[in-house]
């Protein structure tokens, strides 16, 4: 429950922060194209890698992650006590607002990406230990199969398990949030799941070219 109007303003600020479509801006400013018109049609880091390459994809990835981290950091301007459950709840609310902004960006006609990188930033800020374990899972799956979508879903589905089994402290809202993350990633990757089942999902090779 938000205590005052300023905390609502911070939620709106987190949404606007998440709405910054760095992939679209980078594509239009430096390459003269809208990444949403190519590849998967998403305004996110993965499609930026696919359409524009590593030179554009890496900065977009870090900027999208930073959106999630900075959105959660807005909680420091609130009146919630440090390390308290209400603060964690508010951090999660700010993070969700940023992810919604990435998926439905005000500054890009509400046509955004899937929010994976921004969501990673949120998880990193809320629970660094949980983020580290999920990132490790992501890297293992990606390096093994070369599918960004499969790696993202694997890390997301693992998040509730990580929260319940590894984290020493897991407030109820963090458990709910972790389940929401898993469900959201599965929903937003519905088309990827279909392509994976049909063996039509494109692989991504970050460190070497496909033979």
Protein backbone atom coordinates (compact mmCIF):
# COMPACT_ATOMS: atom_id res chain seq x y z
CA UNK A 1 0.00 0.00 0.00
CA UNK A 2 1.50 3.33 -1.05
CA UNK A 3 1.67 5.88 1.74
CA UNK A 4 1.76 9.14 -0.16
CA UNK A 5 1.54 10.79 -3.55
CA UNK A 6 5.33 10.97 -3.90
CA UNK A 7 5.59 7.18 -3.86
CA UNK A 8 3.04 7.07 -6.70
CA UNK A 9 5.15 9.60 -8.60
CA UNK A 10 8.16 7.33 -8.19
CA UNK A 11 6.16 4.43 -9.65
CA UNK A 12 5.34 6.60 -12.68
CA UNK A 13 9.00 7.60 -12.92
CA UNK A 14 9.99 3.91 -12.96
CA UNK A 15 7.52 3.29 -15.79
CA UNK A 16 8.94 6.21 -17.78
CA UNK A 17 12.45 4.94 -17.15
CA UNK A 18 11.46 1.53 -18.45
CA UNK A 19 9.81 3.19 -21.45
CA UNK A 20 13.14 4.41 -22.80
CA UNK A 21 13.45 2.26 -25.97
CA UNK A 22 17.22 2.16 -26.30
CA UNK A 23 17.15 -0.46 -29.05
CA UNK A 24 14.84 1.71 -31.16
CA UNK A 25 16.84 4.86 -30.49
CA UNK A 26 20.20 3.22 -31.23
CA UNK A 27 18.85 1.64 -34.40
CA UNK A 28 17.36 4.85 -35.74
CA UNK A 29 20.19 7.16 -34.65
CA UNK A 30 23.19 5.10 -35.75
CA UNK A 31 21.79 2.73 -38.39
CA UNK A 32 18.74 4.51 -39.76
CA UNK A 33 16.42 1.58 -39.10
CA UNK A 34 13.77 0.55 -36.61
CA UNK A 35 14.77 -2.83 -35.16
CA UNK A 36 11.07 -3.63 -34.69
CA UNK A 37 10.73 -3.93 -38.46
CA UNK A 38 13.28 -6.73 -38.66
CA UNK A 39 14.10 -10.03 -36.97
CA UNK A 40 11.62 -10.97 -34.27
CA UNK A 41 10.01 -7.52 -34.35
CA UNK A 42 10.81 -6.84 -30.70
CA UNK A 43 12.45 -3.73 -29.29
CA UNK A 44 14.94 -5.47 -27.06
CA UNK A 45 18.58 -6.42 -26.71
CA UNK A 46 18.21 -9.88 -28.27
CA UNK A 47 16.68 -8.54 -31.46
CA UNK A 48 19.27 -5.76 -31.52
CA UNK A 49 22.01 -8.40 -31.47
CA UNK A 50 20.21 -10.28 -34.23
CA UNK A 51 19.56 -7.26 -36.47
CA UNK A 52 22.43 -4.86 -35.75
CA UNK A 53 25.13 -7.10 -34.28
CA UNK A 54 27.24 -7.01 -31.12
CA UNK A 55 28.42 -3.44 -31.56
CA UNK A 56 24.87 -2.22 -30.99
CA UNK A 57 23.53 -5.17 -29.01
CA UNK A 58 25.97 -5.01 -26.11
CA UNK A 59 25.33 -1.32 -25.23
CA UNK A 60 21.57 -1.84 -25.56
CA UNK A 61 21.76 -4.89 -23.29
CA UNK A 62 23.56 -2.98 -20.55
CA UNK A 63 21.27 0.04 -20.88
CA UNK A 64 18.18 -2.15 -20.63
CA UNK A 65 19.60 -3.86 -17.54
CA UNK A 66 20.43 -0.45 -16.07
CA UNK A 67 16.79 0.61 -16.46
CA UNK A 68 15.72 -2.12 -14.07
CA UNK A 69 18.47 -1.37 -11.56
CA UNK A 70 17.80 2.37 -11.55
CA UNK A 71 14.04 1.86 -11.27
CA UNK A 72 14.49 -0.21 -8.11
CA UNK A 73 16.99 2.34 -6.79
CA UNK A 74 14.20 4.94 -6.77
CA UNK A 75 12.98 3.22 -3.60
CA UNK A 76 15.76 5.00 -1.71
CA UNK A 77 13.78 8.23 -2.09
CA UNK A 78 10.82 6.70 -0.25
CA UNK A 79 10.20 6.65 3.50
CA UNK A 80 10.34 2.86 3.88
CA UNK A 81 12.82 1.53 6.42
CA UNK A 82 15.98 -0.06 5.04
CA UNK A 83 15.94 -3.85 4.66
CA UNK A 84 12.27 -3.98 5.68
CA UNK A 85 9.64 -6.08 3.94
CA UNK A 86 7.67 -2.93 2.95
CA UNK A 87 10.80 -1.61 1.22
CA UNK A 88 11.25 -4.88 -0.68
CA UNK A 89 7.59 -4.77 -1.70
CA UNK A 90 8.02 -1.24 -2.98
CA UNK A 91 11.22 -2.13 -4.83
CA UNK A 92 9.34 -4.92 -6.57
CA UNK A 93 6.51 -2.53 -7.48
CA UNK A 94 9.03 -0.11 -9.00
CA UNK A 95 10.68 -2.93 -10.90
CA UNK A 96 7.37 -4.17 -12.28
CA UNK A 97 6.57 -0.63 -13.43
CA UNK A 98 9.88 -0.49 -15.31
CA UNK A 99 9.28 -3.85 -16.99
CA UNK A 100 5.79 -2.77 -18.02
CA UNK A 101 7.37 0.36 -19.45
CA UNK A 102 9.81 -1.73 -21.48
CA UNK A 103 7.06 -3.97 -22.84
CA UNK A 104 4.65 -1.08 -23.46
CA UNK A 105 6.94 1.96 -23.90
CA UNK A 106 5.31 5.37 -23.92
CA UNK A 107 8.16 6.73 -26.05
CA UNK A 108 7.85 4.09 -28.78
CA UNK A 109 4.15 3.78 -29.48
CA UNK A 110 3.68 1.10 -26.78
CA UNK A 111 5.54 -1.41 -29.01
CA UNK A 112 8.42 -2.68 -26.92
CA UNK A 113 10.34 -5.84 -26.14
CA UNK A 114 9.88 -8.78 -23.82
CA UNK A 115 11.54 -7.12 -20.85
CA UNK A 116 14.07 -9.85 -20.10
CA UNK A 117 17.11 -7.57 -19.73
CA UNK A 118 15.19 -4.99 -17.70
CA UNK A 119 13.76 -7.77 -15.56
CA UNK A 120 17.29 -9.03 -14.97
CA UNK A 121 18.24 -5.57 -13.74
CA UNK A 122 15.28 -5.58 -11.37
CA UNK A 123 16.20 -8.98 -9.95
CA UNK A 124 19.85 -7.91 -9.61
CA UNK A 125 18.80 -4.89 -7.56
CA UNK A 126 16.22 -6.68 -5.39
CA UNK A 127 18.14 -9.91 -4.78
CA UNK A 128 21.74 -9.99 -6.07
CA UNK A 129 22.26 -13.59 -4.91
CA UNK A 130 19.16 -14.81 -6.73
CA UNK A 131 20.16 -12.89 -9.84
CA UNK A 132 23.65 -14.41 -9.80
CA UNK A 133 22.32 -17.97 -9.63
CA UNK A 134 19.75 -17.33 -12.38
CA UNK A 135 22.38 -15.65 -14.55
CA UNK A 136 24.59 -18.70 -14.15
CA UNK A 137 21.69 -20.92 -15.25
CA UNK A 138 21.11 -18.63 -18.23
CA UNK A 139 24.76 -18.83 -19.31
CA UNK A 140 24.93 -22.61 -18.94
CA UNK A 141 21.78 -23.14 -21.03
CA UNK A 142 22.76 -20.55 -23.63
CA UNK A 143 26.32 -21.85 -24.06
CA UNK A 144 24.97 -25.39 -24.33
CA UNK A 145 22.15 -24.80 -26.82
CA UNK A 146 22.76 -21.29 -28.29
CA UNK A 147 19.10 -20.29 -27.84
CA UNK A 148 18.63 -16.97 -26.04
CA UNK A 149 14.91 -17.65 -25.60
CA UNK A 150 15.48 -21.08 -24.02
CA UNK A 151 18.14 -19.66 -21.71
CA UNK A 152 15.86 -16.79 -20.66
CA UNK A 153 12.94 -19.09 -19.91
CA UNK A 154 15.17 -21.54 -18.04
CA UNK A 155 16.53 -18.78 -15.82
CA UNK A 156 13.04 -17.36 -15.24
CA UNK A 157 11.45 -20.68 -14.35
CA UNK A 158 14.36 -21.37 -12.01
CA UNK A 159 13.89 -18.08 -10.16
CA UNK A 160 11.08 -19.24 -7.79
CA UNK A 161 13.09 -22.36 -6.98
CA UNK A 162 16.16 -20.26 -6.25
CA UNK A 163 14.16 -17.95 -3.99
CA UNK A 164 12.68 -20.81 -2.00
CA UNK A 165 15.76 -23.02 -1.71
CA UNK A 166 18.86 -20.83 -1.84
CA UNK A 167 18.03 -17.37 -0.53
CA UNK A 168 18.34 -17.10 3.25
CA UNK A 169 15.51 -14.57 3.41
CA UNK A 170 12.46 -14.66 1.14
CA UNK A 171 9.56 -12.36 2.03
CA UNK A 172 6.13 -13.43 0.75
CA UNK A 173 6.07 -10.71 -1.93
CA UNK A 174 9.44 -11.86 -3.26
CA UNK A 175 8.03 -15.38 -3.67
CA UNK A 176 5.00 -13.99 -5.50
CA UNK A 177 7.27 -11.82 -7.66
CA UNK A 178 9.49 -14.76 -8.58
CA UNK A 179 6.45 -16.75 -9.72
CA UNK A 180 5.25 -13.74 -11.73
CA UNK A 181 8.65 -13.55 -13.42
CA UNK A 182 8.47 -17.22 -14.42
CA UNK A 183 4.93 -16.88 -15.78
CA UNK A 184 5.67 -13.62 -17.59
CA UNK A 185 8.69 -15.06 -19.38
CA UNK A 186 6.72 -18.09 -20.52
CA UNK A 187 3.86 -15.92 -21.79
CA UNK A 188 6.08 -13.43 -23.63
CA UNK A 189 8.07 -16.29 -25.20
CA UNK A 190 5.02 -18.14 -26.52
CA UNK A 191 6.10 -17.76 -30.15
CA UNK A 192 9.64 -18.79 -29.26
CA UNK A 193 8.32 -21.95 -27.63
CA UNK A 194 6.40 -22.78 -30.80
CA UNK A 195 9.51 -22.22 -32.93
CA UNK A 196 11.63 -24.30 -30.55
CA UNK A 197 9.18 -27.20 -30.81
CA UNK A 198 9.29 -26.92 -34.60
CA UNK A 199 13.10 -26.54 -34.54
CA UNK A 200 12.74 -23.18 -36.28
CA UNK A 201 14.14 -20.96 -33.53
CA UNK A 202 17.31 -19.15 -34.71
CA UNK A 203 20.45 -19.75 -32.71
CA UNK A 204 22.75 -16.96 -31.61
CA UNK A 205 26.54 -17.16 -31.67
CA UNK A 206 28.08 -14.37 -29.62
CA UNK A 207 31.71 -15.45 -29.64
CA UNK A 208 32.08 -17.12 -33.00
CA UNK A 209 30.30 -17.25 -36.32
CA UNK A 210 28.10 -20.12 -37.30
CA UNK A 211 29.95 -22.77 -39.28
